[in-house]
Amino acid sequence: MGKVAAKIKVMPQSPEVDLDALQERLEQSLPEGAKINGFERDDVAFGLVALFPTVVVPDESGGTEAVEEGFQSVDGVESVSVDSVGRL
């Protein structure tokens, strides 16, 4: 089986959230077998910046649901949504 790469949009709760610390917490919340292959940042509005981690998960893990649930439980995260998905 192969691997799946997903670009996931993570919105912080406020512009005051430390994005570097948030990135570390997101990495720690990953389920076994998943890894982050880089982060992008995108200015949204009013000082709010969205994080876009690219997550690689094994195809047999059944998708990105476990990653999304892990990210949603991280302190400082307002919302999580999948931006794009592709096979590697």
Protein backbone atom coordinates (compact mmCIF):
# COMPACT_ATOMS: atom_id res chain seq x y z
CA MET A 1 0.00 0.00 0.00
CA GLY A 2 1.01 3.60 -0.51
CA LYS A 3 0.78 6.78 1.43
CA VAL A 4 -1.63 9.69 1.39
CA ALA A 5 -0.62 13.34 1.74
CA ALA A 6 -3.22 15.77 3.04
CA LYS A 7 -2.95 19.54 3.37
CA ILE A 8 -5.02 20.44 6.41
CA LYS A 9 -6.19 23.94 7.35
CA VAL A 10 -5.86 24.64 11.06
CA MET A 11 -7.39 27.87 12.35
CA PRO A 12 -6.12 29.16 15.71
CA GLN A 13 -8.61 30.46 18.27
CA SER A 14 -7.22 34.01 18.10
CA PRO A 15 -4.39 36.10 16.65
CA GLU A 16 -2.68 35.91 20.07
CA VAL A 17 -2.00 32.15 19.75
CA ASP A 18 1.75 31.44 19.46
CA LEU A 19 1.96 29.69 16.09
CA ASP A 20 5.37 28.11 16.75
CA ALA A 21 4.08 26.52 19.96
CA LEU A 22 0.88 25.49 18.17
CA GLN A 23 2.92 23.74 15.47
CA GLU A 24 4.75 21.75 18.16
CA ARG A 25 1.48 20.74 19.83
CA LEU A 26 0.06 19.64 16.46
CA GLU A 27 3.11 17.45 15.82
CA GLN A 28 2.73 15.86 19.27
CA SER A 29 -0.96 15.08 18.63
CA LEU A 30 -0.32 12.94 15.54
CA PRO A 31 -1.47 9.31 15.60
CA GLU A 32 1.12 6.57 15.14
CA GLY A 33 2.34 6.26 11.56
CA ALA A 34 1.50 9.85 10.59
CA LYS A 35 4.06 12.61 10.11
CA ILE A 36 4.04 16.27 9.20
CA ASN A 37 5.98 17.08 6.06
CA GLY A 38 6.11 20.86 6.51
CA PHE A 39 3.92 23.81 7.43
CA GLU A 40 2.65 26.76 5.44
CA ARG A 41 1.08 29.89 6.89
CA ASP A 42 -1.59 32.04 5.29
CA ASP A 43 -2.82 35.42 6.50
CA VAL A 44 -6.59 35.29 6.89
CA ALA A 45 -7.79 38.61 8.33
CA PHE A 46 -7.36 40.95 11.30
CA GLY A 47 -3.98 39.43 12.22
CA LEU A 48 -5.27 35.85 12.17
CA VAL A 49 -2.96 33.37 10.44
CA ALA A 50 -4.02 29.88 9.38
CA LEU A 51 -1.59 26.96 9.54
CA PHE A 52 -1.49 24.44 6.70
CA PRO A 53 0.46 21.34 7.77
CA THR A 54 1.00 18.71 5.07
CA VAL A 55 0.42 15.37 6.79
CA VAL A 56 1.54 12.03 5.36
CA VAL A 57 -0.39 8.98 6.55
CA PRO A 58 -0.25 5.33 5.47
CA ASP A 59 -3.01 4.47 3.00
CA GLU A 60 -4.16 1.55 5.15
CA SER A 61 -4.88 3.87 8.11
CA GLY A 62 -8.20 4.77 6.48
CA GLY A 63 -7.69 8.45 5.78
CA THR A 64 -7.13 11.58 7.78
CA GLU A 65 -9.93 11.27 10.36
CA ALA A 66 -7.57 10.34 13.23
CA VAL A 67 -5.26 13.25 12.35
CA GLU A 68 -8.19 15.70 12.19
CA GLU A 69 -9.51 14.51 15.57
CA GLY A 70 -6.05 14.84 17.11
CA PHE A 71 -5.60 18.36 15.75
CA GLN A 72 -9.09 19.40 16.94
CA SER A 73 -8.20 18.38 20.51
CA VAL A 74 -5.08 20.60 20.59
CA ASP A 75 -5.26 23.64 22.86
CA GLY A 76 -5.53 26.85 20.81
CA VAL A 77 -7.21 25.27 17.75
CA GLU A 78 -10.55 26.73 16.64
CA SER A 79 -11.24 24.57 13.58
CA VAL A 80 -9.69 21.90 11.36
CA SER A 81 -10.58 21.12 7.74
CA VAL A 82 -8.97 19.16 4.93
CA ASP A 83 -7.80 21.48 2.15
CA SER A 84 -6.55 18.85 -0.31
CA VAL A 85 -5.63 15.15 -0.45
CA GLY A 86 -3.46 13.15 -2.81
CA ARG A 87 -1.66 9.84 -3.09
CA LEU A 88 2.12 9.58 -2.98
